[in-house]
Amino acid sequence: MVITAELVRDIGSQDPRQGLRAVAALRRLLEQLEALHVDRARALGWSWQEVAVELGVTKQSVHRKHVRRLRG
């Protein structure tokens, strides 16, 4: 989960190919960060509702997205 100089450069690129690659890389990074923090919250005993509130989504959507990964 490192933002490289290359990614920073590509974010502001005028080349759509580079810009879109940067968007995809950022999307992957955000997914990894979300999973990391959901795992931490759940390990600390947070409810799905508490996690959902902080993410600005419904309890059902956050549960559906993360429950399988957490179960094993």
Protein backbone atom coordinates (compact mmCIF):
# COMPACT_ATOMS: atom_id res chain seq x y z
CA MET A 1 0.00 0.00 0.00
CA VAL A 2 2.46 2.57 -1.18
CA ILE A 3 1.71 5.65 -3.24
CA THR A 4 4.69 5.82 -5.56
CA ALA A 5 6.11 8.81 -7.37
CA GLU A 6 4.96 7.15 -10.59
CA LEU A 7 1.36 7.01 -9.36
CA VAL A 8 1.47 10.64 -8.27
CA ARG A 9 2.82 11.61 -11.69
CA ASP A 10 0.19 9.58 -13.53
CA ILE A 11 -2.70 11.10 -11.56
CA GLY A 12 -2.04 14.45 -13.20
CA SER A 13 -1.10 13.11 -16.62
CA GLN A 14 -2.69 14.50 -19.77
CA ASP A 15 -2.49 10.96 -21.22
CA PRO A 16 -5.82 9.22 -20.54
CA ARG A 17 -4.11 5.81 -20.42
CA GLN A 18 -1.82 6.92 -17.59
CA GLY A 19 -4.62 8.72 -15.79
CA LEU A 20 -6.94 5.74 -15.94
CA ARG A 21 -4.20 3.41 -14.71
CA ALA A 22 -3.69 5.77 -11.78
CA VAL A 23 -7.43 5.73 -11.03
CA ALA A 24 -7.41 1.91 -11.06
CA ALA A 25 -4.38 1.83 -8.74
CA LEU A 26 -6.05 4.27 -6.35
CA ARG A 27 -9.23 2.17 -6.39
CA ARG A 28 -7.20 -0.92 -5.41
CA LEU A 29 -5.47 1.04 -2.66
CA LEU A 30 -8.79 2.29 -1.26
CA GLU A 31 -10.21 -1.24 -1.23
CA GLN A 32 -7.15 -2.49 0.68
CA LEU A 33 -7.39 0.36 3.18
CA GLU A 34 -11.10 -0.22 3.72
CA ALA A 35 -10.54 -3.94 4.34
CA LEU A 36 -7.71 -3.20 6.78
CA HIS A 37 -9.78 -0.77 8.83
CA VAL A 38 -12.94 -2.88 8.74
CA ASP A 39 -10.89 -5.80 10.05
CA ARG A 40 -9.47 -3.64 12.84
CA ALA A 41 -12.87 -2.28 13.81
CA ARG A 42 -14.45 -5.73 13.90
CA ALA A 43 -11.51 -7.12 15.91
CA LEU A 44 -12.15 -4.37 18.45
CA GLY A 45 -15.78 -5.41 18.71
CA TRP A 46 -17.42 -2.79 16.52
CA SER A 47 -20.84 -3.71 15.16
CA TRP A 48 -21.54 -3.73 11.45
CA GLN A 49 -23.78 -0.70 12.07
CA GLU A 50 -20.90 1.27 13.61
CA VAL A 51 -18.63 0.42 10.68
CA ALA A 52 -21.35 1.36 8.20
CA VAL A 53 -21.94 4.74 9.82
CA GLU A 54 -18.27 5.66 9.55
CA LEU A 55 -18.13 4.55 5.90
CA GLY A 56 -21.37 6.32 5.05
CA VAL A 57 -23.06 3.18 3.76
CA THR A 58 -25.75 0.81 4.96
CA LYS A 59 -25.09 -1.95 7.44
CA GLN A 60 -26.23 -4.48 4.86
CA SER A 61 -23.83 -3.26 2.18
CA VAL A 62 -20.74 -3.27 4.41
CA HIS A 63 -21.67 -6.67 5.84
CA ARG A 64 -22.23 -8.16 2.39
CA LYS A 65 -18.91 -6.76 1.15
CA HIS A 66 -16.71 -7.91 4.03
CA VAL A 67 -18.29 -10.81 5.91
CA ARG A 68 -16.97 -13.61 3.67
CA ARG A 69 -13.41 -12.35 3.87
CA LEU A 70 -13.57 -12.13 7.65
CA ARG A 71 -15.03 -15.61 8.07
CA GLY A 72 -12.06 -17.23 6.50
